């Protein structure tokens, strides 16, 4: 991780050093200074020195300072004070000796020249330090955002891993009941279950799926549940969709239907029913599931089973604009889900 961070900072200096040089050259142009080719070479010579010193100062020396090594820290800071003042002057003079740096303007004393160069080096430290701080801050925010996304995705996958076995467990219970009664409907129920399993294994791995595929599985699940009941159970399932190909997270709606069977009609003795309505218009989804219950409103306590609680959490992770309301009336339970599909995170 530390090596990766060093590589990132090295790449930062690859464009930061030319930017620093161009900034000084632009200042010379705006001041109308002559001898531009010589000034460009001079600024390049000075920028090489300041870039190396600032790189070691900001990337290696300052991060390693600590109170435990106070004497060492004081020595290093004094060393950099020397490098950014007298050392910078010596570098300039080396350029003059090698005929790389061309003295321009009126001559000044050595102490005055060291003062000018020291001011320039302090400005360079400020420039490199501020840019580096901003760069680290942006990277930190991006890393935090990426970590948040990865954590949410991991939680979402965990919720799905809970929901699917829970859904299959209830379905297997239904088939077990038919097999125990030696019903002729058991083979058909196993066939429908295999279709649901195939869908879960091969179609629900992605973040989205066409709504028509989820509707087919919902039809299979309803048909599978109906095998347990006689003709007394009334089921009404209708939908009004602008586009059957529009996308939706897979198996997002099935918990409400499952809840209607397991905690609704299975406990209803007199005229059980389930009414399901789905509409999507202008990317606004409305899903209403109404079912009979075995208790009057006063005796019924709405409780969040694993299906509903997982659904609520998935909605929190997936959308910013949604509502999930449940309402208990006398011998009737209604769940209403509304989602603005444009608000997907």
C-alpha atoms as a PDB file:
ATOM      1  CA  UNK A   1       0.000   0.000   0.000  1.00  0.00           C
ATOM      2  CA  UNK A   2       2.850   2.387   0.882  1.00  0.00           C
ATOM      3  CA  UNK A   3       4.618   1.554  -2.372  1.00  0.00           C
ATOM      4  CA  UNK A   4       1.430   2.245  -4.328  1.00  0.00           C
ATOM      5  CA  UNK A   5       1.076   5.622  -2.588  1.00  0.00           C
ATOM      6  CA  UNK A   6       4.685   6.472  -3.509  1.00  0.00           C
ATOM      7  CA  UNK A   7       4.003   5.691  -7.152  1.00  0.00           C
ATOM      8  CA  UNK A   8       0.946   7.958  -7.105  1.00  0.00           C
ATOM      9  CA  UNK A   9       2.952  10.820  -5.627  1.00  0.00           C
ATOM     10  CA  UNK A  10       5.737  10.303  -8.159  1.00  0.00           C
ATOM     11  CA  UNK A  11       3.160  10.649 -10.919  1.00  0.00           C
ATOM     12  CA  UNK A  12       1.949  13.815  -9.216  1.00  0.00           C
ATOM     13  CA  UNK A  13       5.417  15.363  -9.481  1.00  0.00           C
ATOM     14  CA  UNK A  14       5.709  14.322 -13.129  1.00  0.00           C
ATOM     15  CA  UNK A  15       3.147  16.973 -14.036  1.00  0.00           C
ATOM     16  CA  UNK A  16       3.618  19.229 -10.993  1.00  0.00           C
ATOM     17  CA  UNK A  17       7.246  20.088 -11.818  1.00  0.00           C
ATOM     18  CA  UNK A  18       6.478  21.240 -15.408  1.00  0.00           C
ATOM     19  CA  UNK A  19       3.500  23.186 -14.024  1.00  0.00           C
ATOM     20  CA  UNK A  20       5.780  24.971 -11.538  1.00  0.00           C
ATOM     21  CA  UNK A  21       8.265  25.781 -14.300  1.00  0.00           C
ATOM     22  CA  UNK A  22       5.563  27.060 -16.663  1.00  0.00           C
ATOM     23  CA  UNK A  23       4.162  29.238 -13.885  1.00  0.00           C
ATOM     24  CA  UNK A  24       7.523  31.018 -13.493  1.00  0.00           C
ATOM     25  CA  UNK A  25       7.980  31.345 -17.251  1.00  0.00           C
ATOM     26  CA  UNK A  26       4.500  32.839 -17.533  1.00  0.00           C
ATOM     27  CA  UNK A  27       5.391  35.348 -14.807  1.00  0.00           C
ATOM     28  CA  UNK A  28       8.484  36.385 -16.799  1.00  0.00           C
ATOM     29  CA  UNK A  29       6.383  36.852 -19.926  1.00  0.00           C
ATOM     30  CA  UNK A  30       3.786  38.940 -18.104  1.00  0.00           C
ATOM     31  CA  UNK A  31       6.546  41.124 -16.621  1.00  0.00           C
ATOM     32  CA  UNK A  32       7.873  41.715 -20.132  1.00  0.00           C
ATOM     33  CA  UNK A  33      11.356  40.519 -19.248  1.00  0.00           C
ATOM     34  CA  UNK A  34      13.722  40.118 -22.148  1.00  0.00           C
ATOM     35  CA  UNK A  35      16.175  37.355 -22.974  1.00  0.00           C
ATOM     36  CA  UNK A  36      13.414  34.752 -22.759  1.00  0.00           C
ATOM     37  CA  UNK A  37      15.502  31.750 -23.992  1.00  0.00           C
ATOM     38  CA  UNK A  38      18.135  32.390 -21.315  1.00  0.00           C
ATOM     39  CA  UNK A  39      15.466  32.923 -18.663  1.00  0.00           C
ATOM     40  CA  UNK A  40      13.782  29.636 -19.675  1.00  0.00           C
ATOM     41  CA  UNK A  41      17.072  27.765 -19.209  1.00  0.00           C
ATOM     42  CA  UNK A  42      17.693  29.546 -15.888  1.00  0.00           C
ATOM     43  CA  UNK A  43      14.231  28.724 -14.540  1.00  0.00           C
ATOM     44  CA  UNK A  44      14.612  25.102 -15.649  1.00  0.00           C
ATOM     45  CA  UNK A  45      17.952  24.824 -13.835  1.00  0.00           C
ATOM     46  CA  UNK A  46      16.495  26.266 -10.623  1.00  0.00           C
ATOM     47  CA  UNK A  47      13.295  24.214 -10.907  1.00  0.00           C
ATOM     48  CA  UNK A  48      15.288  20.967 -11.096  1.00  0.00           C
ATOM     49  CA  UNK A  49      16.951  21.718  -7.757  1.00  0.00           C
ATOM     50  CA  UNK A  50      13.792  22.884  -5.979  1.00  0.00           C
ATOM     51  CA  UNK A  51      11.793  19.942  -7.277  1.00  0.00           C
ATOM     52  CA  UNK A  52      14.292  17.399  -5.958  1.00  0.00           C
ATOM     53  CA  UNK A  53      14.597  19.138  -2.572  1.00  0.00           C
ATOM     54  CA  UNK A  54      10.815  19.506  -2.178  1.00  0.00           C
ATOM     55  CA  UNK A  55      10.217  15.918  -3.246  1.00  0.00           C
ATOM     56  CA  UNK A  56      12.508  14.559  -0.544  1.00  0.00           C
ATOM     57  CA  UNK A  57      11.249  17.053   2.008  1.00  0.00           C
ATOM     58  CA  UNK A  58       7.527  16.388   1.506  1.00  0.00           C
ATOM     59  CA  UNK A  59       7.595  12.700   0.623  1.00  0.00           C
ATOM     60  CA  UNK A  60      10.309  11.291   2.858  1.00  0.00           C
ATOM     61  CA  UNK A  61      11.515  13.710   5.522  1.00  0.00           C
ATOM     62  CA  UNK A  62       8.351  15.345   6.943  1.00  0.00           C
ATOM     63  CA  UNK A  63       6.294  12.091   7.038  1.00  0.00           C
ATOM     64  CA  UNK A  64       9.086  10.435   9.040  1.00  0.00           C
ATOM     65  CA  UNK A  65       9.445  13.139  11.699  1.00  0.00           C
ATOM     66  CA  UNK A  66       8.367  12.290  15.246  1.00  0.00           C
ATOM     67  CA  UNK A  67       8.840  13.502  18.826  1.00  0.00           C
ATOM     68  CA  UNK A  68      10.702  10.291  19.617  1.00  0.00           C
ATOM     69  CA  UNK A  69      13.462  11.387  17.253  1.00  0.00           C
ATOM     70  CA  UNK A  70      13.511  15.061  18.200  1.00  0.00           C
ATOM     71  CA  UNK A  71      17.256  15.628  17.713  1.00  0.00           C
ATOM     72  CA  UNK A  72      17.179  13.906  14.345  1.00  0.00           C
ATOM     73  CA  UNK A  73      14.165  15.989  13.332  1.00  0.00           C
ATOM     74  CA  UNK A  74      15.867  19.247  14.343  1.00  0.00           C
ATOM     75  CA  UNK A  75      18.993  18.276  12.375  1.00  0.00           C
ATOM     76  CA  UNK A  76      16.953  17.479   9.264  1.00  0.00           C
ATOM     77  CA  UNK A  77      14.986  20.721   9.442  1.00  0.00           C
ATOM     78  CA  UNK A  78      18.226  22.684   9.797  1.00  0.00           C
ATOM     79  CA  UNK A  79      19.635  20.766   6.854  1.00  0.00           C
ATOM     80  CA  UNK A  80      16.645  21.742   4.692  1.00  0.00           C
ATOM     81  CA  UNK A  81      16.954  25.344   5.826  1.00  0.00           C
ATOM     82  CA  UNK A  82      20.522  25.210   4.509  1.00  0.00           C
ATOM     83  CA  UNK A  83      19.486  23.502   1.273  1.00  0.00           C
ATOM     84  CA  UNK A  84      16.726  26.045   0.612  1.00  0.00           C
ATOM     85  CA  UNK A  85      18.999  29.022   1.183  1.00  0.00           C
ATOM     86  CA  UNK A  86      22.771  28.647   0.891  1.00  0.00           C
ATOM     87  CA  UNK A  87      22.465  25.311  -0.898  1.00  0.00           C
ATOM     88  CA  UNK A  88      20.155  26.910  -3.461  1.00  0.00           C
ATOM     89  CA  UNK A  89      22.729  29.691  -3.971  1.00  0.00           C
ATOM     90  CA  UNK A  90      25.503  27.119  -4.439  1.00  0.00           C
ATOM     91  CA  UNK A  91      23.357  25.331  -7.050  1.00  0.00           C
ATOM     92  CA  UNK A  92      22.878  28.609  -8.910  1.00  0.00           C
ATOM     93  CA  UNK A  93      26.599  29.287  -8.860  1.00  0.00           C
ATOM     94  CA  UNK A  94      27.259  25.744 -10.098  1.00  0.00           C
ATOM     95  CA  UNK A  95      25.033  26.505 -13.076  1.00  0.00           C
ATOM     96  CA  UNK A  96      26.984  29.705 -13.729  1.00  0.00           C
ATOM     97  CA  UNK A  97      30.286  27.803 -13.553  1.00  0.00           C
ATOM     98  CA  UNK A  98      29.010  25.163 -15.984  1.00  0.00           C
ATOM     99  CA  UNK A  99      27.700  27.895 -18.310  1.00  0.00           C
ATOM    100  CA  UNK A 100      24.173  26.593 -17.895  1.00  0.00           C
ATOM    101  CA  UNK A 101      22.795  29.461 -15.824  1.00  0.00           C
ATOM    102  CA  UNK A 102      23.134  32.944 -17.309  1.00  0.00           C
ATOM    103  CA  UNK A 103      23.150  35.822 -14.792  1.00  0.00           C
ATOM    104  CA  UNK A 104      20.669  38.483 -15.883  1.00  0.00           C
ATOM    105  CA  UNK A 105      19.823  41.879 -14.447  1.00  0.00           C
ATOM    106  CA  UNK A 106      21.969  44.071 -12.269  1.00  0.00           C
ATOM    107  CA  UNK A 107      24.537  42.402  -9.966  1.00  0.00           C
ATOM    108  CA  UNK A 108      23.628  42.136  -6.268  1.00  0.00           C
ATOM    109  CA  UNK A 109      25.542  41.138  -3.167  1.00  0.00           C
ATOM    110  CA  UNK A 110      25.822  37.511  -2.116  1.00  0.00           C
ATOM    111  CA  UNK A 111      23.672  38.037   0.989  1.00  0.00           C
ATOM    112  CA  UNK A 112      20.978  39.772  -1.059  1.00  0.00           C
ATOM    113  CA  UNK A 113      21.106  37.029  -3.673  1.00  0.00           C
ATOM    114  CA  UNK A 114      20.762  34.358  -0.972  1.00  0.00           C
ATOM    115  CA  UNK A 115      17.747  36.256   0.406  1.00  0.00           C
ATOM    116  CA  UNK A 116      16.087  36.363  -3.038  1.00  0.00           C
ATOM    117  CA  UNK A 117      16.720  32.679  -3.615  1.00  0.00           C
ATOM    118  CA  UNK A 118      15.502  31.791  -0.118  1.00  0.00           C
ATOM    119  CA  UNK A 119      12.217  33.632  -0.769  1.00  0.00           C
ATOM    120  CA  UNK A 120      11.850  31.774  -4.067  1.00  0.00           C
ATOM    121  CA  UNK A 121      12.513  28.416  -2.390  1.00  0.00           C
ATOM    122  CA  UNK A 122       9.960  29.128   0.376  1.00  0.00           C
ATOM    123  CA  UNK A 123       7.405  29.943  -2.314  1.00  0.00           C
ATOM    124  CA  UNK A 124       8.253  26.631  -3.990  1.00  0.00           C
ATOM    125  CA  UNK A 125       7.741  24.732  -0.715  1.00  0.00           C
ATOM    126  CA  UNK A 126       4.377  26.433  -0.315  1.00  0.00           C
ATOM    127  CA  UNK A 127       3.400  25.661  -3.930  1.00  0.00           C
ATOM    128  CA  UNK A 128       4.407  21.992  -3.788  1.00  0.00           C
ATOM    129  CA  UNK A 129       2.995  21.533  -0.274  1.00  0.00           C
ATOM    130  CA  UNK A 130      -0.436  23.012  -1.029  1.00  0.00           C
ATOM    131  CA  UNK A 131      -0.838  21.084  -4.285  1.00  0.00           C
ATOM    132  CA  UNK A 132       0.255  17.875  -2.579  1.00  0.00           C
ATOM    133  CA  UNK A 133      -2.208  18.451   0.279  1.00  0.00           C
ATOM    134  CA  UNK A 134      -5.094  19.042  -2.137  1.00  0.00           C
ATOM    135  CA  UNK A 135      -4.059  15.990  -4.146  1.00  0.00           C
ATOM    136  CA  UNK A 136      -4.000  13.792  -1.024  1.00  0.00           C
ATOM    137  CA  UNK A 137      -7.348  15.166   0.131  1.00  0.00           C
ATOM    138  CA  UNK A 138      -9.015  14.368  -3.198  1.00  0.00           C
ATOM    139  CA  UNK A 139      -7.497  10.879  -3.235  1.00  0.00           C
ATOM    140  CA  UNK A 140      -8.629  10.301   0.328  1.00  0.00           C
ATOM    141  CA  UNK A 141     -12.192  11.307  -0.498  1.00  0.00           C
ATOM    142  CA  UNK A 142     -12.190   9.077  -3.575  1.00  0.00           C
ATOM    143  CA  UNK A 143     -10.840   6.157  -1.552  1.00  0.00           C
ATOM    144  CA  UNK A 144     -13.473   6.718   1.137  1.00  0.00           C
ATOM    145  CA  UNK A 145     -16.199   6.874  -1.497  1.00  0.00           C
ATOM    146  CA  UNK A 146     -14.948   3.691  -3.125  1.00  0.00           C
ATOM    147  CA  UNK A 147     -14.792   1.957   0.256  1.00  0.00           C
ATOM    148  CA  UNK A 148     -18.365   3.055   1.019  1.00  0.00           C
ATOM    149  CA  UNK A 149     -19.559   1.682  -2.326  1.00  0.00           C
ATOM    150  CA  UNK A 150     -17.752  -1.618  -1.758  1.00  0.00           C
ATOM    151  CA  UNK A 151     -19.195  -1.956   1.737  1.00  0.00           C
ATOM    152  CA  UNK A 152     -22.704  -1.224   0.511  1.00  0.00           C
ATOM    153  CA  UNK A 153     -22.306  -3.731  -2.308  1.00  0.00           C
ATOM    154  CA  UNK A 154     -21.058  -6.344   0.140  1.00  0.00           C
ATOM    155  CA  UNK A 155     -24.032  -5.685   2.422  1.00  0.00           C
ATOM    156  CA  UNK A 156     -26.422  -5.814  -0.524  1.00  0.00           C
ATOM    157  CA  UNK A 157     -24.965  -9.164  -1.607  1.00  0.00           C
ATOM    158  CA  UNK A 158     -25.302 -10.405   1.955  1.00  0.00           C
ATOM    159  CA  UNK A 159     -28.953  -9.365   2.071  1.00  0.00           C
ATOM    160  CA  UNK A 160     -29.583 -11.154  -1.213  1.00  0.00           C
ATOM    161  CA  UNK A 161     -27.820 -14.250   0.110  1.00  0.00           C
ATOM    162  CA  UNK A 162     -30.218 -14.176   3.070  1.00  0.00           C
ATOM    163  CA  UNK A 163     -33.343 -13.519   1.045  1.00  0.00           C
ATOM    164  CA  UNK A 164     -32.836 -16.228  -1.561  1.00  0.00           C
ATOM    165  CA  UNK A 165     -32.375 -19.164   0.868  1.00  0.00           C
ATOM    166  CA  UNK A 166     -35.278 -17.837   2.933  1.00  0.00           C
ATOM    167  CA  UNK A 167     -37.436 -17.766  -0.188  1.00  0.00           C
ATOM    168  CA  UNK A 168     -36.358 -21.278  -1.220  1.00  0.00           C
ATOM    169  CA  UNK A 169     -36.863 -22.605   2.299  1.00  0.00           C
ATOM    170  CA  UNK A 170     -40.505 -21.533   2.251  1.00  0.00           C
ATOM    171  CA  UNK A 171     -40.976 -22.988  -1.221  1.00  0.00           C
ATOM    172  CA  UNK A 172     -39.477 -26.326  -0.187  1.00  0.00           C
ATOM    173  CA  UNK A 173     -41.845 -26.395   2.772  1.00  0.00           C
ATOM    174  CA  UNK A 174     -44.734 -26.103   0.351  1.00  0.00           C
ATOM    175  CA  UNK A 175     -43.430 -29.002  -1.735  1.00  0.00           C
ATOM    176  CA  UNK A 176     -42.858 -31.034   1.404  1.00  0.00           C
ATOM    177  CA  UNK A 177     -46.502 -30.537   2.363  1.00  0.00           C
ATOM    178  CA  UNK A 178     -47.629 -31.780  -1.040  1.00  0.00           C
ATOM    179  CA  UNK A 179     -45.269 -34.766  -0.935  1.00  0.00           C
ATOM    180  CA  UNK A 180     -46.386 -35.669   2.582  1.00  0.00           C
ATOM    181  CA  UNK A 181     -50.002 -35.681   1.409  1.00  0.00           C
ATOM    182  CA  UNK A 182     -48.897 -37.722  -1.628  1.00  0.00           C
ATOM    183  CA  UNK A 183     -50.451 -35.123  -3.869  1.00  0.00           C
ATOM    184  CA  UNK A 184     -50.334 -35.568  -7.620  1.00  0.00           C
ATOM    185  CA  UNK A 185     -49.330 -31.919  -7.788  1.00  0.00           C
ATOM    186  CA  UNK A 186     -45.911 -32.562  -6.245  1.00  0.00           C
ATOM    187  CA  UNK A 187     -44.133 -33.255  -9.602  1.00  0.00           C
ATOM    188  CA  UNK A 188     -45.513 -30.037 -11.083  1.00  0.00           C
ATOM    189  CA  UNK A 189     -44.385 -28.068  -8.040  1.00  0.00           C
ATOM    190  CA  UNK A 190     -40.866 -29.511  -8.348  1.00  0.00           C
ATOM    191  CA  UNK A 191     -40.788 -28.473 -12.017  1.00  0.00           C
ATOM    192  CA  UNK A 192     -41.789 -24.933 -11.142  1.00  0.00           C
ATOM    193  CA  UNK A 193     -39.210 -24.834  -8.365  1.00  0.00           C
ATOM    194  CA  UNK A 194     -36.491 -25.883 -10.822  1.00  0.00           C
ATOM    195  CA  UNK A 195     -37.416 -22.922 -13.026  1.00  0.00           C
ATOM    196  CA  UNK A 196     -37.154 -20.589 -10.065  1.00  0.00           C
ATOM    197  CA  UNK A 197     -33.793 -22.092  -9.077  1.00  0.00           C
ATOM    198  CA  UNK A 198     -32.482 -21.704 -12.637  1.00  0.00           C
ATOM    199  CA  UNK A 199     -33.541 -18.081 -12.592  1.00  0.00           C
ATOM    200  CA  UNK A 200     -31.815 -17.438  -9.261  1.00  0.00           C
ATOM    201  CA  UNK A 201     -28.592 -19.134 -10.286  1.00  0.00           C
ATOM    202  CA  UNK A 202     -28.161 -17.683 -13.761  1.00  0.00           C
ATOM    203  CA  UNK A 203     -30.225 -14.514 -14.035  1.00  0.00           C
ATOM    204  CA  UNK A 204     -29.900 -12.637 -10.735  1.00  0.00           C
ATOM    205  CA  UNK A 205     -26.126 -12.161 -10.498  1.00  0.00           C
ATOM    206  CA  UNK A 206     -26.209  -8.743 -12.172  1.00  0.00           C
ATOM    207  CA  UNK A 207     -27.456  -5.505 -10.592  1.00  0.00           C
ATOM    208  CA  UNK A 208     -30.399  -5.177 -12.992  1.00  0.00           C
ATOM    209  CA  UNK A 209     -32.772  -7.357 -14.928  1.00  0.00           C
ATOM    210  CA  UNK A 210     -35.691  -6.731 -17.278  1.00  0.00           C
ATOM    211  CA  UNK A 211     -38.957  -6.412 -15.370  1.00  0.00           C
ATOM    212  CA  UNK A 212     -40.612  -9.005 -17.627  1.00  0.00           C
ATOM    213  CA  UNK A 213     -38.243 -11.701 -16.330  1.00  0.00           C
ATOM    214  CA  UNK A 214     -39.074 -10.894 -12.725  1.00  0.00           C
ATOM    215  CA  UNK A 215     -42.777 -11.022 -13.602  1.00  0.00           C
ATOM    216  CA  UNK A 216     -42.384 -14.522 -15.052  1.00  0.00           C
ATOM    217  CA  UNK A 217     -40.740 -15.750 -11.860  1.00  0.00           C
ATOM    218  CA  UNK A 218     -43.451 -14.073  -9.834  1.00  0.00           C
ATOM    219  CA  UNK A 219     -46.052 -15.913 -11.923  1.00  0.00           C
ATOM    220  CA  UNK A 220     -44.239 -19.211 -11.317  1.00  0.00           C
ATOM    221  CA  UNK A 221     -44.046 -18.542  -7.597  1.00  0.00           C
ATOM    222  CA  UNK A 222     -47.752 -17.666  -7.392  1.00  0.00           C
ATOM    223  CA  UNK A 223     -48.639 -20.794  -9.371  1.00  0.00           C
ATOM    224  CA  UNK A 224     -46.437 -22.859  -7.066  1.00  0.00           C
ATOM    225  CA  UNK A 225     -48.128 -21.438  -3.976  1.00  0.00           C
ATOM    226  CA  UNK A 226     -51.610 -21.956  -5.431  1.00  0.00           C
ATOM    227  CA  UNK A 227     -50.970 -25.693  -5.589  1.00  0.00           C
ATOM    228  CA  UNK A 228     -51.317 -25.772  -1.805  1.00  0.00           C
ATOM    229  CA  UNK A 229     -54.768 -24.217  -1.807  1.00  0.00           C
ATOM    230  CA  UNK A 230     -58.106 -25.155  -3.233  1.00  0.00           C
ATOM    231  CA  UNK A 231     -60.306 -22.944  -5.389  1.00  0.00           C
ATOM    232  CA  UNK A 232     -61.313 -20.922  -2.334  1.00  0.00           C
ATOM    233  CA  UNK A 233     -58.126 -18.839  -2.666  1.00  0.00           C
ATOM    234  CA  UNK A 234     -58.709 -15.835  -4.914  1.00  0.00           C
ATOM    235  CA  UNK A 235     -55.631 -14.284  -6.517  1.00  0.00           C
ATOM    236  CA  UNK A 236     -55.714 -11.200  -8.690  1.00  0.00           C
ATOM    237  CA  UNK A 237     -52.399 -10.195 -10.268  1.00  0.00           C
ATOM    238  CA  UNK A 238     -52.400  -7.324 -12.751  1.00  0.00           C
ATOM    239  CA  UNK A 239     -49.799  -4.887 -14.007  1.00  0.00           C
ATOM    240  CA  UNK A 240     -49.647  -1.718 -16.061  1.00  0.00           C
ATOM    241  CA  UNK A 241     -46.158  -1.185 -17.486  1.00  0.00           C
ATOM    242  CA  UNK A 242     -45.001   1.268 -20.108  1.00  0.00           C
ATOM    243  CA  UNK A 243     -42.020  -0.857 -21.036  1.00  0.00           C
ATOM    244  CA  UNK A 244     -41.544  -4.527 -20.178  1.00  0.00           C
ATOM    245  CA  UNK A 245     -37.807  -4.237 -20.892  1.00  0.00           C
ATOM    246  CA  UNK A 246     -37.032  -1.559 -18.310  1.00  0.00           C
ATOM    247  CA  UNK A 247     -34.613  -2.638 -15.638  1.00  0.00           C
ATOM    248  CA  UNK A 248     -35.122  -3.410 -11.978  1.00  0.00           C
ATOM    249  CA  UNK A 249     -32.931  -5.103  -9.334  1.00  0.00           C
ATOM    250  CA  UNK A 250     -33.739  -8.836  -9.497  1.00  0.00           C
ATOM    251  CA  UNK A 251     -36.119 -10.333  -6.922  1.00  0.00           C
ATOM    252  CA  UNK A 252     -36.758  -6.945  -5.341  1.00  0.00           C
ATOM    253  CA  UNK A 253     -40.546  -7.318  -5.351  1.00  0.00           C
ATOM    254  CA  UNK A 254     -40.921 -10.992  -4.509  1.00  0.00           C
ATOM    255  CA  UNK A 255     -40.626 -10.574  -0.686  1.00  0.00           C
ATOM    256  CA  UNK A 256     -43.953  -8.706  -0.561  1.00  0.00           C
ATOM    257  CA  UNK A 257     -45.677 -11.471  -2.513  1.00  0.00           C
ATOM    258  CA  UNK A 258     -44.048 -14.133  -0.364  1.00  0.00           C
ATOM    259  CA  UNK A 259     -45.125 -12.260   2.754  1.00  0.00           C
ATOM    260  CA  UNK A 260     -48.733 -12.217   1.530  1.00  0.00           C
ATOM    261  CA  UNK A 261     -48.772 -16.012   1.269  1.00  0.00           C
ATOM    262  CA  UNK A 262     -46.779 -16.978   4.336  1.00  0.00           C
ATOM    263  CA  UNK A 263     -48.132 -14.456   6.839  1.00  0.00           C
ATOM    264  CA  UNK A 264     -51.475 -13.778   5.202  1.00  0.00           C
ATOM    265  CA  UNK A 265     -53.555 -16.352   3.380  1.00  0.00           C
ATOM    266  CA  UNK A 266     -51.880 -19.277   5.166  1.00  0.00           C
ATOM    267  CA  UNK A 267     -53.498 -17.993   8.369  1.00  0.00           C
ATOM    268  CA  UNK A 268     -56.845 -17.102   6.774  1.00  0.00           C
ATOM    269  CA  UNK A 269     -59.686 -19.579   7.180  1.00  0.00           C
ATOM    270  CA  UNK A 270     -62.515 -17.690   5.547  1.00  0.00           C
ATOM    271  CA  UNK A 271     -62.355 -16.447   1.947  1.00  0.00           C
ATOM    272  CA  UNK A 272     -58.598 -15.963   1.566  1.00  0.00           C
ATOM    273  CA  UNK A 273     -57.465 -13.566  -1.149  1.00  0.00           C
ATOM    274  CA  UNK A 274     -54.412 -11.786  -2.544  1.00  0.00           C
ATOM    275  CA  UNK A 275     -54.587  -8.724  -4.784  1.00  0.00           C
ATOM    276  CA  UNK A 276     -51.349  -7.680  -6.498  1.00  0.00           C
ATOM    277  CA  UNK A 277     -50.997  -4.591  -8.644  1.00  0.00           C
ATOM    278  CA  UNK A 278     -47.817  -3.324 -10.300  1.00  0.00           C
ATOM    279  CA  UNK A 279     -47.526  -0.167 -12.361  1.00  0.00           C
ATOM    280  CA  UNK A 280     -44.536   1.718 -13.746  1.00  0.00           C
ATOM    281  CA  UNK A 281     -45.165   5.059 -15.426  1.00  0.00           C
ATOM    282  CA  UNK A 282     -42.598   7.772 -16.036  1.00  0.00           C
ATOM    283  CA  UNK A 283     -40.080   5.709 -14.035  1.00  0.00           C
ATOM    284  CA  UNK A 284     -42.381   5.775 -10.998  1.00  0.00           C
ATOM    285  CA  UNK A 285     -43.008   2.286  -9.649  1.00  0.00           C
ATOM    286  CA  UNK A 286     -46.048   1.472  -7.539  1.00  0.00           C
ATOM    287  CA  UNK A 287     -46.422  -2.052  -6.172  1.00  0.00           C
ATOM    288  CA  UNK A 288     -49.433  -2.852  -3.989  1.00  0.00           C
ATOM    289  CA  UNK A 289     -49.968  -6.229  -2.349  1.00  0.00           C
ATOM    290  CA  UNK A 290     -53.190  -6.697  -0.368  1.00  0.00           C
ATOM    291  CA  UNK A 291     -54.029  -9.969   1.336  1.00  0.00           C
ATOM    292  CA  UNK A 292     -56.421 -11.443   3.860  1.00  0.00           C
ATOM    293  CA  UNK A 293     -55.284 -12.195   7.399  1.00  0.00           C
ATOM    294  CA  UNK A 294     -56.587 -14.302  10.226  1.00  0.00           C
ATOM    295  CA  UNK A 295     -56.893 -11.519  12.791  1.00  0.00           C
ATOM    296  CA  UNK A 296     -58.752  -8.243  13.198  1.00  0.00           C
ATOM    297  CA  UNK A 297     -56.676  -5.059  13.254  1.00  0.00           C
ATOM    298  CA  UNK A 298     -56.845  -4.720  17.038  1.00  0.00           C
ATOM    299  CA  UNK A 299     -55.372  -8.177  17.641  1.00  0.00           C
ATOM    300  CA  UNK A 300     -52.707  -8.013  14.971  1.00  0.00           C
ATOM    301  CA  UNK A 301     -49.220  -6.679  15.590  1.00  0.00           C
ATOM    302  CA  UNK A 302     -47.305  -5.800  12.481  1.00  0.00           C
ATOM    303  CA  UNK A 303     -43.873  -7.375  12.686  1.00  0.00           C
ATOM    304  CA  UNK A 304     -40.933  -7.165  10.364  1.00  0.00           C
ATOM    305  CA  UNK A 305     -40.008 -10.670   9.265  1.00  0.00           C
ATOM    306  CA  UNK A 306     -36.727 -11.368   7.504  1.00  0.00           C
ATOM    307  CA  UNK A 307     -38.248 -10.722   4.083  1.00  0.00           C
ATOM    308  CA  UNK A 308     -39.616  -7.273   4.904  1.00  0.00           C
ATOM    309  CA  UNK A 309     -36.619  -6.161   6.970  1.00  0.00           C
ATOM    310  CA  UNK A 310     -34.199  -7.218   4.239  1.00  0.00           C
ATOM    311  CA  UNK A 311     -36.329  -5.485   1.640  1.00  0.00           C
ATOM    312  CA  UNK A 312     -36.237  -2.237   3.610  1.00  0.00           C
ATOM    313  CA  UNK A 313     -32.463  -2.374   3.893  1.00  0.00           C
ATOM    314  CA  UNK A 314     -32.033  -3.181   0.210  1.00  0.00           C
ATOM    315  CA  UNK A 315     -34.183  -0.193  -0.668  1.00  0.00           C
ATOM    316  CA  UNK A 316     -32.005   2.025   1.534  1.00  0.00           C
ATOM    317  CA  UNK A 317     -28.922   0.858  -0.335  1.00  0.00           C
ATOM    318  CA  UNK A 318     -30.441   1.013  -3.803  1.00  0.00           C
ATOM    319  CA  UNK A 319     -32.626   4.132  -3.909  1.00  0.00           C
ATOM    320  CA  UNK A 320     -32.817   7.587  -2.384  1.00  0.00           C
ATOM    321  CA  UNK A 321     -36.493   8.219  -3.167  1.00  0.00           C
ATOM    322  CA  UNK A 322     -38.882   5.448  -2.079  1.00  0.00           C
ATOM    323  CA  UNK A 323     -41.565   4.553   0.461  1.00  0.00           C
ATOM    324  CA  UNK A 324     -42.652   1.200   1.872  1.00  0.00           C
ATOM    325  CA  UNK A 325     -45.832   1.409   3.912  1.00  0.00           C
ATOM    326  CA  UNK A 326     -47.690  -1.462   5.593  1.00  0.00           C
ATOM    327  CA  UNK A 327     -51.206  -1.130   6.921  1.00  0.00           C
ATOM    328  CA  UNK A 328     -53.297  -3.567   8.932  1.00  0.00           C
ATOM    329  CA  UNK A 329     -57.072  -3.398   8.845  1.00  0.00           C
ATOM    330  CA  UNK A 330     -59.683  -5.905   9.995  1.00  0.00           C
ATOM    331  CA  UNK A 331     -58.667  -9.248   8.460  1.00  0.00           C
ATOM    332  CA  UNK A 332     -56.725  -7.430   5.738  1.00  0.00           C
ATOM    333  CA  UNK A 333     -53.101  -6.427   5.280  1.00  0.00           C
ATOM    334  CA  UNK A 334     -51.773  -4.014   2.638  1.00  0.00           C
ATOM    335  CA  UNK A 335     -48.171  -3.336   1.640  1.00  0.00           C
ATOM    336  CA  UNK A 336     -47.507  -0.397  -0.681  1.00  0.00           C
ATOM    337  CA  UNK A 337     -44.113   0.141  -2.272  1.00  0.00           C
ATOM    338  CA  UNK A 338     -43.367   3.286  -4.272  1.00  0.00           C
ATOM    339  CA  UNK A 339     -40.003   3.870  -5.931  1.00  0.00           C
ATOM    340  CA  UNK A 340     -38.658   6.628  -8.093  1.00  0.00           C
ATOM    341  CA  UNK A 341     -36.508   4.450 -10.340  1.00  0.00           C
ATOM    342  CA  UNK A 342     -34.467   7.492 -11.377  1.00  0.00           C
ATOM    343  CA  UNK A 343     -33.181   7.761  -7.800  1.00  0.00           C
ATOM    344  CA  UNK A 344     -31.027   4.656  -8.041  1.00  0.00           C
ATOM    345  CA  UNK A 345     -27.789   5.160  -6.132  1.00  0.00           C
END
